[in-house]
Amino acid sequence: MVLRPARGQLILPKPLVVDSSTLFALGRVKLIKFLGKIDFKIFIPKAVKEEIQKGNDNLILKLVKMTELKGRTLKISKQLEKLNLDKGESQCCALAFKLKLKFIICDDRRFIRQIFFSNNNKLKKIKILGFSFFLHEFYKNKLIDDVWKHFNEIIKVNNWERSEVQVANYTFLKELGY
């Protein structure tokens, strides 16, 4: 999607790197359809594409752009895997480094825990945001009218009650004033 402001300038969508956990969570509550209606281009690495294909969710694949990791970016991904990170999360972090992003969107409990306890300085530079980032964007764009209703539904449907995922997403929304 390319937006054209009144002055005639082209504004390209901002890049986002998103892991399969968040995409599946949005899909389970029928919010995935809104991804194409916000001002972001969603990038996923090959490992995430493979996870989505295993989950048989073709709608998700239509809304994202798969990016193959090569050269230095692939090397970074392999180094992160040696820290006992899953392939998908490792590739998401490496892709974020390549795109010069300061965060990725991921709701994987194990990964959130690993990042929290990691002493790897490079890895600590990447902030992890979750599905609540999208709830905020959907609300800003008037695609949903009640952030907390969808928050609670996502937590329940994905069995994230009392988890790191719930705490991280709740904290994010509270910091934004919801």
C-alpha atoms as a PDB file:
ATOM      1  CA  MET A   1       0.000   0.000   0.000  1.00  0.00           C
ATOM      2  CA  VAL A   2       1.367   3.448  -0.929  1.00  0.00           C
ATOM      3  CA  LEU A   3      -0.221   6.477   0.677  1.00  0.00           C
ATOM      4  CA  ARG A   4      -0.497   9.779  -1.189  1.00  0.00           C
ATOM      5  CA  PRO A   5      -0.798  12.791   1.085  1.00  0.00           C
ATOM      6  CA  ALA A   6      -2.500  15.992  -0.053  1.00  0.00           C
ATOM      7  CA  ARG A   7       0.800  17.609  -1.088  1.00  0.00           C
ATOM      8  CA  GLY A   8       1.445  14.888  -3.641  1.00  0.00           C
ATOM      9  CA  GLN A   9       4.405  13.307  -1.847  1.00  0.00           C
ATOM     10  CA  LEU A  10       4.747   9.549  -1.816  1.00  0.00           C
ATOM     11  CA  ILE A  11       4.952   7.973   1.605  1.00  0.00           C
ATOM     12  CA  LEU A  12       6.059   4.363   1.640  1.00  0.00           C
ATOM     13  CA  PRO A  13       4.798   2.043   4.359  1.00  0.00           C
ATOM     14  CA  LYS A  14       7.169   1.546   7.286  1.00  0.00           C
ATOM     15  CA  PRO A  15       8.791  -1.883   7.538  1.00  0.00           C
ATOM     16  CA  LEU A  16       7.962  -4.282  10.377  1.00  0.00           C
ATOM     17  CA  VAL A  17       9.417  -7.705  11.102  1.00  0.00           C
ATOM     18  CA  VAL A  18       6.832 -10.045  12.587  1.00  0.00           C
ATOM     19  CA  ASP A  19       7.135 -13.595  13.897  1.00  0.00           C
ATOM     20  CA  SER A  20       4.538 -16.292  13.259  1.00  0.00           C
ATOM     21  CA  SER A  21       3.306 -16.327  16.891  1.00  0.00           C
ATOM     22  CA  THR A  22       1.762 -12.873  16.537  1.00  0.00           C
ATOM     23  CA  LEU A  23       0.385 -13.523  13.065  1.00  0.00           C
ATOM     24  CA  PHE A  24      -1.288 -16.752  14.216  1.00  0.00           C
ATOM     25  CA  ALA A  25      -2.690 -14.980  17.299  1.00  0.00           C
ATOM     26  CA  LEU A  26      -4.280 -12.266  15.146  1.00  0.00           C
ATOM     27  CA  GLY A  27      -5.613 -14.912  12.785  1.00  0.00           C
ATOM     28  CA  ARG A  28      -7.278 -16.889  15.571  1.00  0.00           C
ATOM     29  CA  VAL A  29      -9.421 -13.868  16.512  1.00  0.00           C
ATOM     30  CA  LYS A  30     -10.126 -12.754  12.924  1.00  0.00           C
ATOM     31  CA  LEU A  31      -8.044  -9.539  13.123  1.00  0.00           C
ATOM     32  CA  ILE A  32      -5.454 -10.616  10.554  1.00  0.00           C
ATOM     33  CA  LYS A  33      -7.533  -9.016   7.780  1.00  0.00           C
ATOM     34  CA  PHE A  34      -6.617  -5.553   9.113  1.00  0.00           C
ATOM     35  CA  LEU A  35      -2.867  -5.919   8.474  1.00  0.00           C
ATOM     36  CA  GLY A  36      -3.256  -4.569   4.953  1.00  0.00           C
ATOM     37  CA  LYS A  37      -5.098  -1.496   6.222  1.00  0.00           C
ATOM     38  CA  ILE A  38      -2.324   0.020   8.341  1.00  0.00           C
ATOM     39  CA  ASP A  39       0.733   1.977   7.236  1.00  0.00           C
ATOM     40  CA  PHE A  40       3.243  -0.867   7.620  1.00  0.00           C
ATOM     41  CA  LYS A  41       4.816  -3.382   5.295  1.00  0.00           C
ATOM     42  CA  ILE A  42       5.165  -6.694   7.112  1.00  0.00           C
ATOM     43  CA  PHE A  43       8.357  -8.624   6.459  1.00  0.00           C
ATOM     44  CA  ILE A  44       8.974 -12.209   7.490  1.00  0.00           C
ATOM     45  CA  PRO A  45      12.058 -14.377   7.023  1.00  0.00           C
ATOM     46  CA  LYS A  46      11.958 -17.775   5.328  1.00  0.00           C
ATOM     47  CA  ALA A  47      11.741 -19.753   8.604  1.00  0.00           C
ATOM     48  CA  VAL A  48       8.601 -17.821   9.582  1.00  0.00           C
ATOM     49  CA  LYS A  49       7.092 -18.412   6.143  1.00  0.00           C
ATOM     50  CA  GLU A  50       7.676 -22.141   6.614  1.00  0.00           C
ATOM     51  CA  GLU A  51       5.956 -22.035  10.032  1.00  0.00           C
ATOM     52  CA  ILE A  52       2.972 -20.258   8.478  1.00  0.00           C
ATOM     53  CA  GLN A  53       2.813 -22.794   5.645  1.00  0.00           C
ATOM     54  CA  LYS A  54       2.757 -25.629   8.209  1.00  0.00           C
ATOM     55  CA  GLY A  55      -0.130 -23.826   9.905  1.00  0.00           C
ATOM     56  CA  ASN A  56      -1.932 -23.742   6.551  1.00  0.00           C
ATOM     57  CA  ASP A  57      -2.854 -20.058   6.727  1.00  0.00           C
ATOM     58  CA  ASN A  58      -2.730 -18.717   3.185  1.00  0.00           C
ATOM     59  CA  LEU A  59      -4.365 -15.400   4.121  1.00  0.00           C
ATOM     60  CA  ILE A  60      -1.366 -14.539   6.284  1.00  0.00           C
ATOM     61  CA  LEU A  61       1.018 -15.257   3.413  1.00  0.00           C
ATOM     62  CA  LYS A  62      -0.922 -12.864   1.170  1.00  0.00           C
ATOM     63  CA  LEU A  63      -0.470 -10.033   3.699  1.00  0.00           C
ATOM     64  CA  VAL A  64       3.288 -10.338   4.270  1.00  0.00           C
ATOM     65  CA  LYS A  65       6.495 -10.172   2.256  1.00  0.00           C
ATOM     66  CA  MET A  66       8.985 -12.991   2.665  1.00  0.00           C
ATOM     67  CA  THR A  67      12.628 -11.910   2.647  1.00  0.00           C
ATOM     68  CA  GLU A  68      15.445 -14.391   2.108  1.00  0.00           C
ATOM     69  CA  LEU A  69      18.442 -13.920   4.381  1.00  0.00           C
ATOM     70  CA  LYS A  70      21.817 -13.880   2.642  1.00  0.00           C
ATOM     71  CA  GLY A  71      25.438 -13.179   3.417  1.00  0.00           C
ATOM     72  CA  ARG A  72      26.078 -11.285   6.630  1.00  0.00           C
ATOM     73  CA  THR A  73      22.407 -11.343   7.652  1.00  0.00           C
ATOM     74  CA  LEU A  74      22.289 -15.136   7.367  1.00  0.00           C
ATOM     75  CA  LYS A  75      25.532 -15.369   9.367  1.00  0.00           C
ATOM     76  CA  ILE A  76      24.004 -13.242  12.153  1.00  0.00           C
ATOM     77  CA  SER A  77      20.936 -15.504  12.177  1.00  0.00           C
ATOM     78  CA  LYS A  78      23.122 -18.619  12.544  1.00  0.00           C
ATOM     79  CA  GLN A  79      25.041 -16.968  15.411  1.00  0.00           C
ATOM     80  CA  LEU A  80      21.767 -16.221  17.197  1.00  0.00           C
ATOM     81  CA  GLU A  81      20.645 -19.829  16.763  1.00  0.00           C
ATOM     82  CA  LYS A  82      23.825 -20.860  18.600  1.00  0.00           C
ATOM     83  CA  LEU A  83      22.448 -18.907  21.591  1.00  0.00           C
ATOM     84  CA  ASN A  84      19.638 -21.498  21.650  1.00  0.00           C
ATOM     85  CA  LEU A  85      17.088 -19.237  19.927  1.00  0.00           C
ATOM     86  CA  ASP A  86      14.612 -20.828  17.550  1.00  0.00           C
ATOM     87  CA  LYS A  87      15.288 -20.405  13.851  1.00  0.00           C
ATOM     88  CA  GLY A  88      12.266 -18.149  13.234  1.00  0.00           C
ATOM     89  CA  GLU A  89      13.108 -15.716  16.027  1.00  0.00           C
ATOM     90  CA  SER A  90      16.805 -15.733  15.077  1.00  0.00           C
ATOM     91  CA  GLN A  91      15.938 -14.858  11.497  1.00  0.00           C
ATOM     92  CA  CYS A  92      13.496 -12.160  12.623  1.00  0.00           C
ATOM     93  CA  CYS A  93      16.220 -10.493  14.710  1.00  0.00           C
ATOM     94  CA  ALA A  94      18.769 -10.728  11.891  1.00  0.00           C
ATOM     95  CA  LEU A  95      16.251  -9.266   9.427  1.00  0.00           C
ATOM     96  CA  ALA A  96      15.494  -6.423  11.858  1.00  0.00           C
ATOM     97  CA  PHE A  97      19.228  -5.654  12.063  1.00  0.00           C
ATOM     98  CA  LYS A  98      19.404  -5.628   8.263  1.00  0.00           C
ATOM     99  CA  LEU A  99      16.423  -3.253   7.986  1.00  0.00           C
ATOM    100  CA  LYS A 100      17.857  -1.092  10.822  1.00  0.00           C
ATOM    101  CA  LEU A 101      14.779  -1.604  12.974  1.00  0.00           C
ATOM    102  CA  LYS A 102      14.863  -1.251  16.748  1.00  0.00           C
ATOM    103  CA  PHE A 103      12.152  -3.850  17.429  1.00  0.00           C
ATOM    104  CA  ILE A 104      10.374  -6.929  16.149  1.00  0.00           C
ATOM    105  CA  ILE A 105       6.837  -8.131  16.820  1.00  0.00           C
ATOM    106  CA  CYS A 106       6.842 -11.514  18.540  1.00  0.00           C
ATOM    107  CA  ASP A 107       4.630 -13.213  21.119  1.00  0.00           C
ATOM    108  CA  ASP A 108       6.630 -16.380  21.687  1.00  0.00           C
ATOM    109  CA  ARG A 109       6.816 -17.022  25.464  1.00  0.00           C
ATOM    110  CA  ARG A 110      10.125 -18.852  25.334  1.00  0.00           C
ATOM    111  CA  PHE A 111      11.758 -16.159  23.206  1.00  0.00           C
ATOM    112  CA  ILE A 112      10.559 -13.338  25.482  1.00  0.00           C
ATOM    113  CA  ARG A 113      12.092 -15.195  28.442  1.00  0.00           C
ATOM    114  CA  GLN A 114      15.344 -15.822  26.559  1.00  0.00           C
ATOM    115  CA  ILE A 115      15.715 -12.154  25.621  1.00  0.00           C
ATOM    116  CA  PHE A 116      15.033 -11.063  29.194  1.00  0.00           C
ATOM    117  CA  PHE A 117      17.765 -13.299  30.600  1.00  0.00           C
ATOM    118  CA  SER A 118      20.238 -12.903  27.729  1.00  0.00           C
ATOM    119  CA  ASN A 119      23.557 -11.181  28.285  1.00  0.00           C
ATOM    120  CA  ASN A 120      24.187 -10.823  24.537  1.00  0.00           C
ATOM    121  CA  ASN A 121      24.558  -7.077  23.865  1.00  0.00           C
ATOM    122  CA  LYS A 122      23.533  -7.280  20.204  1.00  0.00           C
ATOM    123  CA  LEU A 123      20.394  -9.198  21.084  1.00  0.00           C
ATOM    124  CA  LYS A 124      19.541  -6.763  23.893  1.00  0.00           C
ATOM    125  CA  LYS A 125      19.411  -3.947  21.286  1.00  0.00           C
ATOM    126  CA  ILE A 126      16.258  -5.426  19.751  1.00  0.00           C
ATOM    127  CA  LYS A 127      13.074  -4.577  21.621  1.00  0.00           C
ATOM    128  CA  ILE A 128      10.308  -7.163  21.534  1.00  0.00           C
ATOM    129  CA  LEU A 129       6.764  -5.894  21.060  1.00  0.00           C
ATOM    130  CA  GLY A 130       3.712  -8.089  20.811  1.00  0.00           C
ATOM    131  CA  PHE A 131       0.235  -8.215  19.346  1.00  0.00           C
ATOM    132  CA  SER A 132      -0.771  -5.110  21.326  1.00  0.00           C
ATOM    133  CA  PHE A 133       1.270  -3.046  18.851  1.00  0.00           C
ATOM    134  CA  PHE A 134      -1.260  -4.053  16.199  1.00  0.00           C
ATOM    135  CA  LEU A 135      -4.231  -3.447  18.497  1.00  0.00           C
ATOM    136  CA  HIS A 136      -2.919   0.090  18.986  1.00  0.00           C
ATOM    137  CA  GLU A 137      -2.523   0.587  15.227  1.00  0.00           C
ATOM    138  CA  PHE A 138      -5.942  -0.902  14.481  1.00  0.00           C
ATOM    139  CA  TYR A 139      -7.509   1.419  17.042  1.00  0.00           C
ATOM    140  CA  LYS A 140      -5.637   4.476  15.698  1.00  0.00           C
ATOM    141  CA  ASN A 141      -6.907   3.651  12.217  1.00  0.00           C
ATOM    142  CA  LYS A 142     -10.480   3.146  13.496  1.00  0.00           C
ATOM    143  CA  LEU A 143     -10.508  -0.524  12.489  1.00  0.00           C
ATOM    144  CA  ILE A 144     -11.478  -1.614  16.015  1.00  0.00           C
ATOM    145  CA  ASP A 145     -13.277   0.326  18.721  1.00  0.00           C
ATOM    146  CA  ASP A 146     -12.301  -1.532  21.905  1.00  0.00           C
ATOM    147  CA  VAL A 147      -8.641  -2.443  22.446  1.00  0.00           C
ATOM    148  CA  TRP A 148      -9.243  -4.271  25.743  1.00  0.00           C
ATOM    149  CA  LYS A 149     -11.995  -6.493  24.358  1.00  0.00           C
ATOM    150  CA  HIS A 150      -9.627  -7.749  21.652  1.00  0.00           C
ATOM    151  CA  PHE A 151      -6.720  -7.932  24.098  1.00  0.00           C
ATOM    152  CA  ASN A 152      -8.685 -10.241  26.406  1.00  0.00           C
ATOM    153  CA  GLU A 153      -9.910 -12.357  23.504  1.00  0.00           C
ATOM    154  CA  ILE A 154      -6.374 -12.837  22.146  1.00  0.00           C
ATOM    155  CA  ILE A 155      -5.026 -13.749  25.588  1.00  0.00           C
ATOM    156  CA  LYS A 156      -7.820 -16.287  26.163  1.00  0.00           C
ATOM    157  CA  VAL A 157      -7.816 -17.889  22.708  1.00  0.00           C
ATOM    158  CA  ASN A 158      -4.027 -18.309  22.744  1.00  0.00           C
ATOM    159  CA  ASN A 159      -3.902 -19.565  26.357  1.00  0.00           C
ATOM    160  CA  TRP A 160      -1.585 -16.721  27.413  1.00  0.00           C
ATOM    161  CA  GLU A 161      -3.216 -16.020  30.793  1.00  0.00           C
ATOM    162  CA  ARG A 162      -0.605 -15.150  33.445  1.00  0.00           C
ATOM    163  CA  SER A 163       2.265 -15.426  30.984  1.00  0.00           C
ATOM    164  CA  GLU A 164       5.117 -13.182  29.905  1.00  0.00           C
ATOM    165  CA  VAL A 165       3.104 -12.483  26.749  1.00  0.00           C
ATOM    166  CA  GLN A 166       0.138 -11.141  28.713  1.00  0.00           C
ATOM    167  CA  VAL A 167       2.332  -8.990  30.959  1.00  0.00           C
ATOM    168  CA  ALA A 168       4.384  -7.550  28.089  1.00  0.00           C
ATOM    169  CA  ASN A 169       1.335  -6.672  25.984  1.00  0.00           C
ATOM    170  CA  TYR A 170      -0.614  -5.287  28.944  1.00  0.00           C
ATOM    171  CA  THR A 171       2.346  -3.104  29.938  1.00  0.00           C
ATOM    172  CA  PHE A 172       2.715  -1.792  26.374  1.00  0.00           C
ATOM    173  CA  LEU A 173      -0.931  -0.741  26.202  1.00  0.00           C
ATOM    174  CA  LYS A 174      -0.858   0.856  29.658  1.00  0.00           C
ATOM    175  CA  GLU A 175       2.277   2.835  28.695  1.00  0.00           C
ATOM    176  CA  LEU A 176       0.318   4.169  25.704  1.00  0.00           C
ATOM    177  CA  GLY A 177      -2.497   5.299  27.969  1.00  0.00           C
ATOM    178  CA  TYR A 178      -5.150   2.666  27.315  1.00  0.00           C
END
